[in-house]
Amino acid sequence: MKSVYGKYFTKVALIWSGCFVLFFFIYMLTLAPQKNSKEQLEKQLAEKKRMHNSALEAAQEETKIQLNEQIEHLRDELKNFVIDFEDSVNLTFDISQIAGGKGVTSFSLETKKDSGRETEKSDKYISESHIDISFSTMDFSQFAALLNALERHRPVIFVDKFAITRSDKGSSEHQVNMNLAVFVRKMRGS
């Protein structure tokens, strides 16, 4: 009697195991890819809903006003760091005025067309302009005052390099050479 029940349970266990393996392969071939596809579609739907909501929000007049104010604020911030191409001519005059106001002597200024640096990526809106200045100063406080005034200028003038040559024993003036860098907005259409 036990052998009949044992054979019966063995057959039933083999049939159930076979069905389980068969259902597992059917699941892996049909339902698992559908589940992954469903998850991707849900992500795409969520992204489209987000884009739709932001488009609806952007269409509102209040949002347009807020975005325009933000754009104007960012343009004002940009003016602190970038000078217009048309105004770059006046920059040399501004630098000369600053130097004259700080009491330095033997002031000379030379604009360089090429910075001498290799840039990997050329920006189509902003370029870097370099200006070499040299002057004589009696003491460190004049140099520091000029350096401070240049770096506080708006738009910002970056002091890229400077070198101070100590005076000869007979002279009390020290020679200073500076390389200044300025960001210039390129002309439209160039």
Protein backbone atom coordinates (compact mmCIF):
# COMPACT_ATOMS: atom_id res chain seq x y z
CA MET A 1 0.00 0.00 0.00
CA LYS A 2 2.80 2.32 0.79
CA SER A 3 4.41 1.81 -2.57
CA VAL A 4 1.16 2.78 -4.40
CA TYR A 5 0.93 6.01 -2.39
CA GLY A 6 4.65 6.63 -2.82
CA LYS A 7 4.43 6.21 -6.58
CA TYR A 8 1.35 8.45 -6.66
CA PHE A 9 3.04 11.23 -4.62
CA THR A 10 6.19 10.96 -6.73
CA LYS A 11 4.18 11.33 -9.96
CA VAL A 12 2.26 14.28 -8.52
CA ALA A 13 5.48 15.94 -7.31
CA LEU A 14 7.11 15.47 -10.74
CA ILE A 15 4.05 16.88 -12.52
CA TRP A 16 3.93 19.91 -10.19
CA SER A 17 7.68 20.46 -10.54
CA GLY A 18 7.40 20.29 -14.32
CA CYS A 19 4.48 22.74 -14.27
CA PHE A 20 6.40 25.06 -11.99
CA VAL A 21 9.43 25.04 -14.32
CA LEU A 22 7.14 25.54 -17.34
CA PHE A 23 5.33 28.47 -15.68
CA PHE A 24 8.66 29.97 -14.61
CA PHE A 25 9.93 29.95 -18.23
CA ILE A 26 6.63 31.38 -19.49
CA TYR A 27 6.90 34.14 -16.88
CA MET A 28 10.49 34.92 -17.86
CA LEU A 29 9.66 34.98 -21.58
CA THR A 30 6.40 36.94 -21.49
CA LEU A 31 5.57 38.62 -18.21
CA ALA A 32 9.03 39.85 -17.06
CA PRO A 33 9.67 41.88 -20.25
CA GLN A 34 6.17 43.29 -19.98
CA LYS A 35 6.88 44.33 -16.40
CA ASN A 36 10.09 46.13 -17.47
CA SER A 37 8.24 47.74 -20.36
CA LYS A 38 5.48 48.85 -17.99
CA GLU A 39 8.04 50.45 -15.63
CA GLN A 40 9.65 52.32 -18.52
CA LEU A 41 6.26 53.53 -19.73
CA GLU A 42 5.38 54.70 -16.22
CA LYS A 43 8.66 56.68 -16.06
CA GLN A 44 7.97 58.23 -19.46
CA LEU A 45 4.43 59.08 -18.39
CA ALA A 46 5.70 60.74 -15.21
CA GLU A 47 8.24 62.77 -17.25
CA LYS A 48 5.56 63.83 -19.74
CA LYS A 49 3.26 64.85 -16.87
CA ARG A 50 6.07 66.91 -15.36
CA MET A 51 6.72 68.59 -18.70
CA HIS A 52 3.01 69.20 -19.18
CA ASN A 53 2.69 70.75 -15.73
CA SER A 54 5.71 72.97 -16.28
CA ALA A 55 4.30 74.04 -19.67
CA LEU A 56 0.98 74.90 -18.03
CA GLU A 57 2.82 76.80 -15.33
CA ALA A 58 4.94 78.64 -17.89
CA ALA A 59 1.82 79.67 -19.77
CA GLN A 60 0.50 81.51 -16.73
CA GLU A 61 1.08 85.26 -16.81
CA GLU A 62 2.39 85.35 -13.24
CA THR A 63 5.06 82.80 -14.08
CA LYS A 64 6.07 84.73 -17.19
CA ILE A 65 6.54 87.88 -15.14
CA GLN A 66 8.56 85.99 -12.54
CA LEU A 67 10.80 84.40 -15.19
CA ASN A 68 11.35 87.76 -16.92
CA GLU A 69 12.38 89.30 -13.59
CA GLN A 70 14.77 86.42 -13.03
CA ILE A 71 16.25 86.91 -16.52
CA GLU A 72 16.77 90.62 -15.88
CA HIS A 73 18.43 89.87 -12.54
CA LEU A 74 20.80 87.40 -14.23
CA ARG A 75 21.61 89.94 -16.97
CA ASP A 76 22.47 92.49 -14.30
CA GLU A 77 24.72 89.93 -12.61
CA LEU A 78 26.39 89.20 -15.96
CA LYS A 79 27.15 92.90 -16.41
CA ASN A 80 29.32 92.68 -13.30
CA PHE A 81 31.64 90.22 -15.04
CA VAL A 82 31.34 90.83 -18.80
CA ILE A 83 31.83 94.05 -20.74
CA ASP A 84 30.11 94.73 -24.07
CA PHE A 85 32.37 94.80 -27.12
CA GLU A 86 31.43 98.42 -27.81
CA ASP A 87 32.37 99.45 -24.26
CA SER A 88 35.70 97.60 -24.26
CA VAL A 89 37.34 100.60 -25.92
CA ASN A 90 36.53 102.72 -22.85
CA LEU A 91 38.09 100.12 -20.55
CA THR A 92 41.64 101.26 -21.29
CA PHE A 93 40.61 104.80 -20.44
CA ASP A 94 39.05 103.58 -17.17
CA ILE A 95 42.25 101.73 -16.24
CA SER A 96 44.32 104.85 -16.99
CA GLN A 97 41.98 106.93 -14.82
CA ILE A 98 42.28 104.46 -11.94
CA ALA A 99 46.08 104.44 -12.20
CA GLY A 100 46.21 108.24 -12.33
CA GLY A 101 44.00 108.45 -9.27
CA LYS A 102 46.33 106.20 -7.28
CA GLY A 103 49.38 108.34 -8.03
CA VAL A 104 51.54 105.85 -9.90
CA THR A 105 54.12 107.17 -12.36
CA SER A 106 55.49 106.03 -15.74
CA PHE A 107 52.18 104.35 -16.53
CA SER A 108 51.92 102.52 -19.86
CA LEU A 109 49.20 100.26 -21.21
CA GLU A 110 49.20 97.78 -24.08
CA THR A 111 46.24 95.75 -25.32
CA LYS A 112 47.04 92.21 -26.45
CA LYS A 113 45.00 90.52 -29.13
CA ASP A 114 46.12 86.98 -28.34
CA SER A 115 46.26 85.81 -24.74
CA GLY A 116 48.94 83.25 -25.55
CA ARG A 117 46.84 80.48 -24.03
CA GLU A 118 45.48 77.51 -25.87
CA THR A 119 41.82 77.00 -25.10
CA GLU A 120 40.19 73.68 -25.78
CA LYS A 121 36.73 75.11 -26.23
CA SER A 122 36.01 78.44 -27.83
CA ASP A 123 32.98 80.24 -26.48
CA LYS A 124 30.80 81.78 -29.15
CA TYR A 125 29.42 84.54 -26.92
CA ILE A 126 32.29 85.64 -24.66
CA SER A 127 36.00 86.15 -25.32
CA GLU A 128 38.89 86.95 -23.03
CA SER A 129 40.84 90.14 -23.60
CA HIS A 130 44.28 90.76 -22.08
CA ILE A 131 45.87 94.08 -21.22
CA ASP A 132 49.48 94.56 -20.08
CA ILE A 133 50.19 97.55 -17.87
CA SER A 134 53.42 98.73 -16.34
CA PHE A 135 54.08 101.53 -13.91
CA SER A 136 56.40 102.77 -11.22
CA THR A 137 55.40 103.07 -7.59
CA MET A 138 57.08 104.52 -4.55
CA ASP A 139 55.81 102.01 -2.02
CA PHE A 140 53.69 98.95 -1.55
CA SER A 141 50.60 100.89 -0.45
CA GLN A 142 50.30 102.56 -3.89
CA PHE A 143 50.59 99.18 -5.57
CA ALA A 144 48.02 97.64 -3.22
CA ALA A 145 45.61 100.55 -3.72
CA LEU A 146 45.82 100.20 -7.51
CA LEU A 147 45.46 96.42 -7.33
CA ASN A 148 42.42 96.76 -5.07
CA ALA A 149 40.82 99.39 -7.33
CA LEU A 150 41.35 97.25 -10.43
CA GLU A 151 39.81 94.16 -8.86
CA ARG A 152 36.82 96.13 -7.54
CA HIS A 153 36.10 97.65 -10.95
CA ARG A 154 32.81 96.74 -12.61
CA PRO A 155 32.90 94.85 -14.86
CA VAL A 156 35.49 92.82 -13.05
CA ILE A 157 39.10 93.13 -14.16
CA PHE A 158 41.07 90.04 -13.25
CA VAL A 159 44.74 90.47 -12.40
CA ASP A 160 46.17 87.44 -14.14
CA LYS A 161 49.87 87.98 -13.32
CA PHE A 162 52.09 90.66 -11.88
CA ALA A 163 55.78 91.13 -11.29
CA ILE A 164 57.52 93.72 -9.13
CA THR A 165 61.10 94.68 -9.87
CA ARG A 166 62.95 96.23 -6.97
CA SER A 167 64.44 99.64 -7.63
CA ASP A 168 68.11 100.30 -8.14
CA LYS A 169 69.98 101.76 -5.22
CA GLY A 170 69.84 105.26 -6.71
CA SER A 171 66.07 105.17 -7.43
CA SER A 172 63.26 104.87 -4.95
CA GLU A 173 60.61 103.76 -7.48
CA HIS A 174 59.85 100.10 -8.04
CA GLN A 175 58.76 98.86 -11.48
CA VAL A 176 55.54 96.81 -11.66
CA ASN A 177 54.26 94.83 -14.66
CA MET A 178 50.71 93.41 -14.65
CA ASN A 179 48.73 91.24 -17.00
CA LEU A 180 44.99 91.96 -16.72
CA ALA A 181 42.19 89.81 -18.11
CA VAL A 182 38.66 90.95 -18.95
CA PHE A 183 35.68 89.04 -20.32
CA VAL A 184 34.22 90.72 -23.41
CA ARG A 185 30.87 89.91 -24.99
CA LYS A 186 31.45 89.18 -28.66
CA MET A 187 29.77 91.23 -31.36
CA ARG A 188 26.62 89.68 -32.74
CA GLY A 189 27.12 88.03 -36.07
CA SER A 190 30.86 87.39 -35.61
